[in-house]
Amino acid sequence: MNVTSVSFHSEGKWLVTGSEDGTIRIWDLRSTQVHRTYDNGAPVNDVCVHPNQGELISCDQAGCIKQWDLSENLCSHELTPAGDVPIRSVSLASDGSCLVAGNNKGKCYVWKINEEKSDLPRYQAVTKFSAHKKYITRVLLSPDVRYLATCSADTTVKIWSISTNYEFKQEKVLQGHQRWVWDCAFSADSAYLVTASSDHTARLWEMASGETVRQYNGHHKAAVCCALHDGAG
């Protein structure tokens, strides 16, 4: 079965993977052994580590978003924003303030994350909107939490500005890829975005202008994931 997602712990001592086999595994990089396995019950499409490093957020083909508590070794919260419509991607704000998810029908869902000890629900739905008319393949909040990038089967990447009251406004449409855009990664200063596409290329975009700064050629098949290490931070 395909591994669909990889996310590193902040100190680089372990990583978490999600798979089409319905499992989420935590790997100890010092021993290369599986430290823990969660049975998600459905193919996992994405998984990320909460900034507090104590929780994981996953999404799956059955339309569920789950919070896994590492200390309790269990699923503590579950969200199903659109029934059984598969959730393709999830992104957590770097400050832990909100969660964004994108699904197979082009919809985005946003939750404010409250403290566990507060009287409010842990995940408080604040808005939802239609981002694309086709599949969303990736949602990604910028490091400064000012923007959301959404990648799609419609060959575009859309950039949404985020207001303090969680209103999302479309700022730019990044156009240039010829096929599905599968993945994206922000620079540490949120000024640039890298994207990967089925058109065999990756592109570096300048956020301020929305223009392609550089195109990376050479792949003979689809480029489906990307990462950026710019030496900052």
C-alpha atoms as a PDB file:
ATOM      1  CA  MET A   1       0.000   0.000   0.000  1.00  0.00           C
ATOM      2  CA  ASN A   2       1.160   3.549  -0.740  1.00  0.00           C
ATOM      3  CA  VAL A   3       2.465   5.812   2.008  1.00  0.00           C
ATOM      4  CA  THR A   4       0.467   9.018   1.484  1.00  0.00           C
ATOM      5  CA  SER A   5       1.952  11.399   4.041  1.00  0.00           C
ATOM      6  CA  VAL A   6       5.108  12.020   6.076  1.00  0.00           C
ATOM      7  CA  SER A   7       5.526  14.539   8.885  1.00  0.00           C
ATOM      8  CA  PHE A   8       8.537  15.127  11.148  1.00  0.00           C
ATOM      9  CA  HIS A   9       8.642  15.879  14.867  1.00  0.00           C
ATOM     10  CA  SER A  10      10.198  19.299  15.495  1.00  0.00           C
ATOM     11  CA  GLU A  11      13.389  17.846  16.999  1.00  0.00           C
ATOM     12  CA  GLY A  12      13.780  15.284  14.228  1.00  0.00           C
ATOM     13  CA  LYS A  13      13.801  12.307  16.591  1.00  0.00           C
ATOM     14  CA  TRP A  14      10.741  10.661  15.103  1.00  0.00           C
ATOM     15  CA  LEU A  15       8.422  10.930  12.150  1.00  0.00           C
ATOM     16  CA  VAL A  16       4.841   9.955  11.458  1.00  0.00           C
ATOM     17  CA  THR A  17       3.515   8.327   8.293  1.00  0.00           C
ATOM     18  CA  GLY A  18       0.003   7.760   6.989  1.00  0.00           C
ATOM     19  CA  SER A  19      -0.853   4.982   4.556  1.00  0.00           C
ATOM     20  CA  GLU A  20      -3.546   3.628   2.277  1.00  0.00           C
ATOM     21  CA  ASP A  21      -3.505   0.510   4.474  1.00  0.00           C
ATOM     22  CA  GLY A  22      -5.460   2.483   7.099  1.00  0.00           C
ATOM     23  CA  THR A  23      -2.626   2.868   9.600  1.00  0.00           C
ATOM     24  CA  ILE A  24      -0.701   5.787  11.074  1.00  0.00           C
ATOM     25  CA  ARG A  25       2.769   4.836  12.271  1.00  0.00           C
ATOM     26  CA  ILE A  26       5.262   6.686  14.431  1.00  0.00           C
ATOM     27  CA  TRP A  27       8.883   5.821  13.684  1.00  0.00           C
ATOM     28  CA  ASP A  28      11.859   6.288  16.003  1.00  0.00           C
ATOM     29  CA  LEU A  29      14.609   7.624  13.726  1.00  0.00           C
ATOM     30  CA  ARG A  30      17.303   6.666  16.224  1.00  0.00           C
ATOM     31  CA  SER A  31      16.444   2.973  15.884  1.00  0.00           C
ATOM     32  CA  THR A  32      14.388   2.939  12.613  1.00  0.00           C
ATOM     33  CA  GLN A  33      11.778   0.888  14.497  1.00  0.00           C
ATOM     34  CA  VAL A  34       8.017   1.467  14.621  1.00  0.00           C
ATOM     35  CA  HIS A  35       7.320   3.161  17.947  1.00  0.00           C
ATOM     36  CA  ARG A  36       3.519   3.122  17.720  1.00  0.00           C
ATOM     37  CA  THR A  37       0.769   2.200  15.266  1.00  0.00           C
ATOM     38  CA  TYR A  38      -2.737   3.663  15.172  1.00  0.00           C
ATOM     39  CA  ASP A  39      -5.490   1.823  13.317  1.00  0.00           C
ATOM     40  CA  ASN A  40      -7.435   4.538  11.504  1.00  0.00           C
ATOM     41  CA  GLY A  41      -9.934   2.145   9.928  1.00  0.00           C
ATOM     42  CA  ALA A  42      -9.844   3.840   6.496  1.00  0.00           C
ATOM     43  CA  PRO A  43      -7.110   4.840   4.001  1.00  0.00           C
ATOM     44  CA  VAL A  44      -5.188   7.829   5.387  1.00  0.00           C
ATOM     45  CA  ASN A  45      -4.752  10.767   2.987  1.00  0.00           C
ATOM     46  CA  ASP A  46      -2.777  13.178   5.177  1.00  0.00           C
ATOM     47  CA  VAL A  47      -1.330  13.502   8.668  1.00  0.00           C
ATOM     48  CA  CYS A  48       0.456  16.368  10.425  1.00  0.00           C
ATOM     49  CA  VAL A  49       1.988  16.992  13.838  1.00  0.00           C
ATOM     50  CA  HIS A  50       0.374  19.639  16.058  1.00  0.00           C
ATOM     51  CA  PRO A  51       2.762  22.498  16.968  1.00  0.00           C
ATOM     52  CA  ASN A  52       2.554  21.341  20.597  1.00  0.00           C
ATOM     53  CA  GLN A  53       4.198  18.087  19.422  1.00  0.00           C
ATOM     54  CA  GLY A  54       1.766  16.095  21.563  1.00  0.00           C
ATOM     55  CA  GLU A  55      -1.008  15.463  19.030  1.00  0.00           C
ATOM     56  CA  LEU A  56      -1.431  14.299  15.455  1.00  0.00           C
ATOM     57  CA  ILE A  57      -4.182  15.353  13.048  1.00  0.00           C
ATOM     58  CA  SER A  58      -5.123  12.955  10.244  1.00  0.00           C
ATOM     59  CA  CYS A  59      -7.717  12.873   7.488  1.00  0.00           C
ATOM     60  CA  ASP A  60      -8.979   9.959   5.457  1.00  0.00           C
ATOM     61  CA  GLN A  61     -10.888   8.519   2.558  1.00  0.00           C
ATOM     62  CA  ALA A  62     -13.988   7.979   4.715  1.00  0.00           C
ATOM     63  CA  GLY A  63     -14.387  11.736   5.288  1.00  0.00           C
ATOM     64  CA  CYS A  64     -13.041  11.835   8.854  1.00  0.00           C
ATOM     65  CA  ILE A  65     -10.551  14.140  10.539  1.00  0.00           C
ATOM     66  CA  LYS A  66      -9.089  12.715  13.739  1.00  0.00           C
ATOM     67  CA  GLN A  67      -6.934  13.986  16.573  1.00  0.00           C
ATOM     68  CA  TRP A  68      -4.589  11.374  18.020  1.00  0.00           C
ATOM     69  CA  ASP A  69      -3.152  12.090  21.478  1.00  0.00           C
ATOM     70  CA  LEU A  70       0.368  10.731  21.809  1.00  0.00           C
ATOM     71  CA  SER A  71       0.282  10.677  25.613  1.00  0.00           C
ATOM     72  CA  GLU A  72      -3.059   8.845  25.829  1.00  0.00           C
ATOM     73  CA  ASN A  73      -2.402   6.623  22.793  1.00  0.00           C
ATOM     74  CA  LEU A  74      -5.909   7.137  21.406  1.00  0.00           C
ATOM     75  CA  CYS A  75      -8.164   9.130  19.083  1.00  0.00           C
ATOM     76  CA  SER A  76      -9.590  11.928  21.254  1.00  0.00           C
ATOM     77  CA  HIS A  77     -11.579  13.946  18.689  1.00  0.00           C
ATOM     78  CA  GLU A  78     -13.261  13.196  15.379  1.00  0.00           C
ATOM     79  CA  LEU A  79     -14.783  15.554  12.792  1.00  0.00           C
ATOM     80  CA  THR A  80     -16.861  14.658   9.724  1.00  0.00           C
ATOM     81  CA  PRO A  81     -17.549  17.999   8.010  1.00  0.00           C
ATOM     82  CA  ALA A  82     -19.055  16.618   4.787  1.00  0.00           C
ATOM     83  CA  GLY A  83     -20.274  13.125   5.581  1.00  0.00           C
ATOM     84  CA  ASP A  84     -18.356  10.463   3.677  1.00  0.00           C
ATOM     85  CA  VAL A  85     -16.754  12.829   1.130  1.00  0.00           C
ATOM     86  CA  PRO A  86     -13.005  12.046   1.330  1.00  0.00           C
ATOM     87  CA  ILE A  87     -10.871  14.648   3.087  1.00  0.00           C
ATOM     88  CA  ARG A  88      -7.750  15.063   0.997  1.00  0.00           C
ATOM     89  CA  SER A  89      -5.544  17.356   3.089  1.00  0.00           C
ATOM     90  CA  VAL A  90      -5.268  19.049   6.487  1.00  0.00           C
ATOM     91  CA  SER A  91      -3.117  21.947   7.686  1.00  0.00           C
ATOM     92  CA  LEU A  92      -2.532  23.323  11.178  1.00  0.00           C
ATOM     93  CA  ALA A  93      -1.581  26.920  11.921  1.00  0.00           C
ATOM     94  CA  SER A  94       1.978  27.248  13.199  1.00  0.00           C
ATOM     95  CA  ASP A  95       0.619  28.828  16.399  1.00  0.00           C
ATOM     96  CA  GLY A  96      -1.985  26.079  16.862  1.00  0.00           C
ATOM     97  CA  SER A  97      -4.855  28.545  16.445  1.00  0.00           C
ATOM     98  CA  CYS A  98      -6.770  26.905  13.604  1.00  0.00           C
ATOM     99  CA  LEU A  99      -7.206  23.838  11.414  1.00  0.00           C
ATOM    100  CA  VAL A 100      -8.035  23.834   7.690  1.00  0.00           C
ATOM    101  CA  ALA A 101      -9.176  20.815   5.664  1.00  0.00           C
ATOM    102  CA  GLY A 102      -9.865  20.358   1.952  1.00  0.00           C
ATOM    103  CA  ASN A 103     -11.980  17.654   0.322  1.00  0.00           C
ATOM    104  CA  ASN A 104     -12.563  15.899  -2.985  1.00  0.00           C
ATOM    105  CA  LYS A 105     -15.330  18.319  -3.969  1.00  0.00           C
ATOM    106  CA  GLY A 106     -13.169  21.434  -3.739  1.00  0.00           C
ATOM    107  CA  LYS A 107     -14.522  22.597  -0.374  1.00  0.00           C
ATOM    108  CA  CYS A 108     -12.442  24.018   2.493  1.00  0.00           C
ATOM    109  CA  TYR A 109     -13.463  23.770   6.143  1.00  0.00           C
ATOM    110  CA  VAL A 110     -11.959  25.841   8.950  1.00  0.00           C
ATOM    111  CA  TRP A 111     -12.013  25.316  12.716  1.00  0.00           C
ATOM    112  CA  LYS A 112     -10.724  27.502  15.516  1.00  0.00           C
ATOM    113  CA  ILE A 113      -8.788  25.370  18.011  1.00  0.00           C
ATOM    114  CA  ASN A 114      -9.613  26.114  21.642  1.00  0.00           C
ATOM    115  CA  GLU A 115      -7.695  25.053  24.727  1.00  0.00           C
ATOM    116  CA  GLU A 116      -8.626  21.626  26.063  1.00  0.00           C
ATOM    117  CA  LYS A 117      -9.501  23.097  29.465  1.00  0.00           C
ATOM    118  CA  SER A 118     -11.819  25.821  28.118  1.00  0.00           C
ATOM    119  CA  ASP A 119     -15.641  25.600  28.148  1.00  0.00           C
ATOM    120  CA  LEU A 120     -15.676  25.836  24.349  1.00  0.00           C
ATOM    121  CA  PRO A 121     -15.411  22.801  22.057  1.00  0.00           C
ATOM    122  CA  ARG A 122     -11.859  21.829  21.144  1.00  0.00           C
ATOM    123  CA  TYR A 123     -12.628  22.333  17.434  1.00  0.00           C
ATOM    124  CA  GLN A 124     -15.027  25.207  16.808  1.00  0.00           C
ATOM    125  CA  ALA A 125     -16.283  25.427  13.203  1.00  0.00           C
ATOM    126  CA  VAL A 126     -15.864  29.006  11.982  1.00  0.00           C
ATOM    127  CA  THR A 127     -16.313  28.905   8.204  1.00  0.00           C
ATOM    128  CA  LYS A 128     -16.429  26.823   5.032  1.00  0.00           C
ATOM    129  CA  PHE A 129     -16.086  27.867   1.408  1.00  0.00           C
ATOM    130  CA  SER A 130     -15.782  26.504  -2.107  1.00  0.00           C
ATOM    131  CA  ALA A 131     -12.163  26.916  -3.211  1.00  0.00           C
ATOM    132  CA  HIS A 132     -12.121  24.909  -6.452  1.00  0.00           C
ATOM    133  CA  LYS A 133     -14.613  23.151  -8.726  1.00  0.00           C
ATOM    134  CA  LYS A 134     -12.432  20.015  -8.830  1.00  0.00           C
ATOM    135  CA  TYR A 135     -10.432  17.958  -6.348  1.00  0.00           C
ATOM    136  CA  ILE A 136      -8.402  19.774  -3.723  1.00  0.00           C
ATOM    137  CA  THR A 137      -5.080  17.961  -3.458  1.00  0.00           C
ATOM    138  CA  ARG A 138      -3.389  20.083  -0.784  1.00  0.00           C
ATOM    139  CA  VAL A 139      -4.255  22.846   1.688  1.00  0.00           C
ATOM    140  CA  LEU A 140      -1.390  24.646   3.401  1.00  0.00           C
ATOM    141  CA  LEU A 141      -1.339  27.551   5.841  1.00  0.00           C
ATOM    142  CA  SER A 142       1.641  29.887   5.534  1.00  0.00           C
ATOM    143  CA  PRO A 143       4.119  30.009   8.456  1.00  0.00           C
ATOM    144  CA  ASP A 144       2.908  33.516   9.366  1.00  0.00           C
ATOM    145  CA  VAL A 145      -0.725  32.279   9.215  1.00  0.00           C
ATOM    146  CA  ARG A 146      -1.659  35.162   6.906  1.00  0.00           C
ATOM    147  CA  TYR A 147      -2.372  33.016   3.865  1.00  0.00           C
ATOM    148  CA  LEU A 148      -3.820  29.687   2.798  1.00  0.00           C
ATOM    149  CA  ALA A 149      -2.666  27.955  -0.384  1.00  0.00           C
ATOM    150  CA  THR A 150      -4.985  25.439  -2.054  1.00  0.00           C
ATOM    151  CA  CYS A 151      -3.752  23.107  -4.819  1.00  0.00           C
ATOM    152  CA  SER A 152      -6.173  21.447  -7.188  1.00  0.00           C
ATOM    153  CA  ALA A 153      -6.883  19.098 -10.062  1.00  0.00           C
ATOM    154  CA  ASP A 154      -7.946  22.205 -12.010  1.00  0.00           C
ATOM    155  CA  THR A 155      -4.192  22.958 -12.585  1.00  0.00           C
ATOM    156  CA  THR A 156      -4.221  26.078 -10.388  1.00  0.00           C
ATOM    157  CA  VAL A 157      -3.036  27.090  -6.945  1.00  0.00           C
ATOM    158  CA  LYS A 158      -5.151  29.683  -5.171  1.00  0.00           C
ATOM    159  CA  ILE A 159      -3.882  32.009  -2.466  1.00  0.00           C
ATOM    160  CA  TRP A 160      -6.361  33.133   0.194  1.00  0.00           C
ATOM    161  CA  SER A 161      -5.743  35.907   2.719  1.00  0.00           C
ATOM    162  CA  ILE A 162      -6.949  35.254   6.271  1.00  0.00           C
ATOM    163  CA  SER A 163      -8.461  37.992   8.425  1.00  0.00           C
ATOM    164  CA  THR A 164      -8.404  38.007  12.229  1.00  0.00           C
ATOM    165  CA  ASN A 165     -11.996  36.751  12.321  1.00  0.00           C
ATOM    166  CA  TYR A 166     -11.239  33.862   9.945  1.00  0.00           C
ATOM    167  CA  GLU A 167     -12.624  35.320   6.754  1.00  0.00           C
ATOM    168  CA  PHE A 168     -10.892  33.917   3.678  1.00  0.00           C
ATOM    169  CA  LYS A 169     -10.534  36.150   0.627  1.00  0.00           C
ATOM    170  CA  GLN A 170      -9.088  34.972  -2.679  1.00  0.00           C
ATOM    171  CA  GLU A 171      -5.978  37.064  -3.344  1.00  0.00           C
ATOM    172  CA  LYS A 172      -4.318  35.362  -6.310  1.00  0.00           C
ATOM    173  CA  VAL A 173      -4.622  32.464  -8.704  1.00  0.00           C
ATOM    174  CA  LEU A 174      -1.243  30.963  -9.590  1.00  0.00           C
ATOM    175  CA  GLN A 175      -1.503  29.771 -13.184  1.00  0.00           C
ATOM    176  CA  GLY A 176       1.122  28.017 -15.254  1.00  0.00           C
ATOM    177  CA  HIS A 177       0.988  24.313 -14.480  1.00  0.00           C
ATOM    178  CA  GLN A 178      -0.583  22.223 -17.246  1.00  0.00           C
ATOM    179  CA  ARG A 179      -1.913  19.349 -15.126  1.00  0.00           C
ATOM    180  CA  TRP A 180      -2.922  18.550 -11.557  1.00  0.00           C
ATOM    181  CA  VAL A 181      -0.993  20.404  -8.861  1.00  0.00           C
ATOM    182  CA  TRP A 182      -0.321  17.902  -6.082  1.00  0.00           C
ATOM    183  CA  ASP A 183       1.666  19.654  -3.400  1.00  0.00           C
ATOM    184  CA  CYS A 184       3.110  22.953  -2.219  1.00  0.00           C
ATOM    185  CA  ALA A 185       5.539  24.292   0.375  1.00  0.00           C
ATOM    186  CA  PHE A 186       6.018  27.817   1.731  1.00  0.00           C
ATOM    187  CA  SER A 187       9.371  29.424   2.439  1.00  0.00           C
ATOM    188  CA  ALA A 188      10.011  30.140   6.115  1.00  0.00           C
ATOM    189  CA  ASP A 189       9.258  33.848   5.614  1.00  0.00           C
ATOM    190  CA  SER A 190       6.013  33.085   3.698  1.00  0.00           C
ATOM    191  CA  ALA A 191       7.322  35.095   0.714  1.00  0.00           C
ATOM    192  CA  TYR A 192       7.661  32.188  -1.720  1.00  0.00           C
ATOM    193  CA  LEU A 193       5.805  29.001  -2.598  1.00  0.00           C
ATOM    194  CA  VAL A 194       7.054  25.838  -4.309  1.00  0.00           C
ATOM    195  CA  THR A 195       4.572  23.620  -6.176  1.00  0.00           C
ATOM    196  CA  ALA A 196       4.749  20.146  -7.763  1.00  0.00           C
ATOM    197  CA  SER A 197       2.588  18.978 -10.670  1.00  0.00           C
ATOM    198  CA  SER A 198       1.661  16.074 -12.921  1.00  0.00           C
ATOM    199  CA  ASP A 199       3.086  18.148 -15.789  1.00  0.00           C
ATOM    200  CA  HIS A 200       6.526  16.864 -14.657  1.00  0.00           C
ATOM    201  CA  THR A 201       7.631  20.242 -13.298  1.00  0.00           C
ATOM    202  CA  ALA A 202       8.025  22.089 -10.020  1.00  0.00           C
ATOM    203  CA  ARG A 203       7.693  25.869  -9.820  1.00  0.00           C
ATOM    204  CA  LEU A 204       8.895  28.546  -7.424  1.00  0.00           C
ATOM    205  CA  TRP A 205       6.372  31.385  -7.073  1.00  0.00           C
ATOM    206  CA  GLU A 206       6.793  34.828  -5.591  1.00  0.00           C
ATOM    207  CA  MET A 207       3.816  35.480  -3.343  1.00  0.00           C
ATOM    208  CA  ALA A 208       3.829  39.275  -3.762  1.00  0.00           C
ATOM    209  CA  SER A 209       3.505  39.180  -7.559  1.00  0.00           C
ATOM    210  CA  GLY A 210       1.955  35.746  -8.064  1.00  0.00           C
ATOM    211  CA  GLU A 211       4.527  35.108 -10.796  1.00  0.00           C
ATOM    212  CA  THR A 212       6.738  32.092 -11.426  1.00  0.00           C
ATOM    213  CA  VAL A 213      10.304  32.935 -10.411  1.00  0.00           C
ATOM    214  CA  ARG A 214      11.770  29.632 -11.544  1.00  0.00           C
ATOM    215  CA  GLN A 215      10.614  26.417 -13.181  1.00  0.00           C
ATOM    216  CA  TYR A 216      12.307  23.117 -12.405  1.00  0.00           C
ATOM    217  CA  ASN A 217      12.338  20.616 -15.270  1.00  0.00           C
ATOM    218  CA  GLY A 218      13.815  17.153 -15.628  1.00  0.00           C
ATOM    219  CA  HIS A 219      11.257  14.756 -14.189  1.00  0.00           C
ATOM    220  CA  HIS A 220       9.980  12.189 -16.685  1.00  0.00           C
ATOM    221  CA  LYS A 221       6.831  11.486 -14.684  1.00  0.00           C
ATOM    222  CA  ALA A 222       4.491  13.412 -12.409  1.00  0.00           C
ATOM    223  CA  ALA A 223       5.998  15.382  -9.520  1.00  0.00           C
ATOM    224  CA  VAL A 224       3.619  14.681  -6.640  1.00  0.00           C
ATOM    225  CA  CYS A 225       5.334  16.139  -3.569  1.00  0.00           C
ATOM    226  CA  CYS A 226       7.797  18.856  -2.645  1.00  0.00           C
ATOM    227  CA  ALA A 227       9.579  20.337   0.356  1.00  0.00           C
ATOM    228  CA  LEU A 228      11.607  23.507   0.830  1.00  0.00           C
ATOM    229  CA  HIS A 229      14.607  24.127   3.048  1.00  0.00           C
ATOM    230  CA  ASP A 230      15.675  27.731   2.629  1.00  0.00           C
ATOM    231  CA  GLY A 231      18.063  27.932   5.569  1.00  0.00           C
ATOM    232  CA  ALA A 232      15.850  30.374   7.467  1.00  0.00           C
ATOM    233  CA  GLY A 233      14.567  29.885  10.990  1.00  0.00           C
END
